[in-house]
Amino acid sequence: MIAPETTFPSGTRAAILGCAGLTLSPDERAFFQREKPYGFILFARNVGSPDQVRDLVTEMRGTVGWQAPVLIDQEGGRVQRMTRPHWRKYPNGAIFGTLYERDPGRAERLCRLNAHLLASDLAELGIDVDCLPLLDLPQPGAHDVIGARAFSADIAPTIALAQAQVAGLADAGVTGVIKHIPGHGRAMADSHLDLPRIDTPLETLEAHDFPPFTAFADAPYGMTAHLLLTALDAERPSTTSNVVIEGVIRGTIGFKGLLMTDDLSMNALGGTLGERAAASIAAGCDLVLHCNGNMTEMEPVMAHVPELNGGAADRARRADALRFEVHAKGQSAPSGTAEQLAEALGASWPDTEGRHA
């Protein structure tokens, strides 16, 4: 039996990894036991039935011997790893941004209820970290890789709704991850495919793009964006730039939490997987994130990832303590929450069926 409030053991490595399928293969099990990643992340390929997901989460944690964080991108809208027939579909962030324009208080209440209901699905399976909220502010003409996933193009509603969303996640015992620092809303390309180049002056970034992240500087977890911000570093993507990580994310924005990369296998980054991992850690990221479960990629990543130590270890212990505190207070969403949301959101509510018993 794993003690629920024991932080990471000695030898834990600075990485969060995925797996290939619905269960761990013998090779994956041995790899995780040997390499000791800090945590794990699930995708749609890992999601079948509620019992299967619950067993996979338990199996993952068993390989490292502690209550390691298990992450998922369960936003709602087009980014939702768990969906029908076992789980509801949830609305995207922009729906709450639109409601906020008419009635801010009501939008915040509904956003919190929605997050509570969504996070209850996760908590029932042992998943304790959701990669939310998005604090990106999408700008006119930008690529729609962010688009309606974001709450708003404006600072105030984004901060208010993100605070409501984090509170709703916590109501169910789930911790959030702020993303994508220092802001993906101006990107003209999808960083899964290419490296977005952003030529916006630093003064504009500081006045508009950074403030939502500053408002969450004390969050336990944060995720970088793979961007080329030419006003800061015209040579290196933000994830591998010490100027961006230490100067802006830790400096100007003041983020104090555990900082993970976005997925290292995304095409925005150049070089080998091992070089990407090493460059990210050297730039000041605390953890690398590798998502696709491909063992031939995970092996070189882990060959270039250190054990958690120093400031990164301190931030990981703080994140664990906050995660355990949130988990201990979590409760399932009250009966009737889905119906309340459906009535309030009307046609914006995408699905009121499909939840497992």
Foldseek 3Di string as FASTA:
>chain_A
DADAQDAADPQEFFAEEEAAAQAHDPVRLVVCLVLRYQYYEDALRNDDALVSLLVRQVSSCVSRRHLGAYEYADAADPGHSDDPQADHGFFAQQLLLVVCVVPVVVSLVLLLLRLLQSLLSVVSSSHAEYADDELAQADPQADCPCPRNANHNFRVSRLSNRVSNQNSNLQALHAYEYDAPQHDRRFNDDQLEAAGEDADAPVCSLVTRRVSLLSCLAGAHYEYDQHQHPNQPNPHTLLLALSNVVVPSCNSSNRQHQYEYDALNRPHDDDALLVSLLSNVVSPHLHYYHYNNDPVRVVSNSVNIGHRDDSNVVRSSVSSVVSSVSNVNYDHNDPCSLVVSCVVSPPSGPGSHNHRD
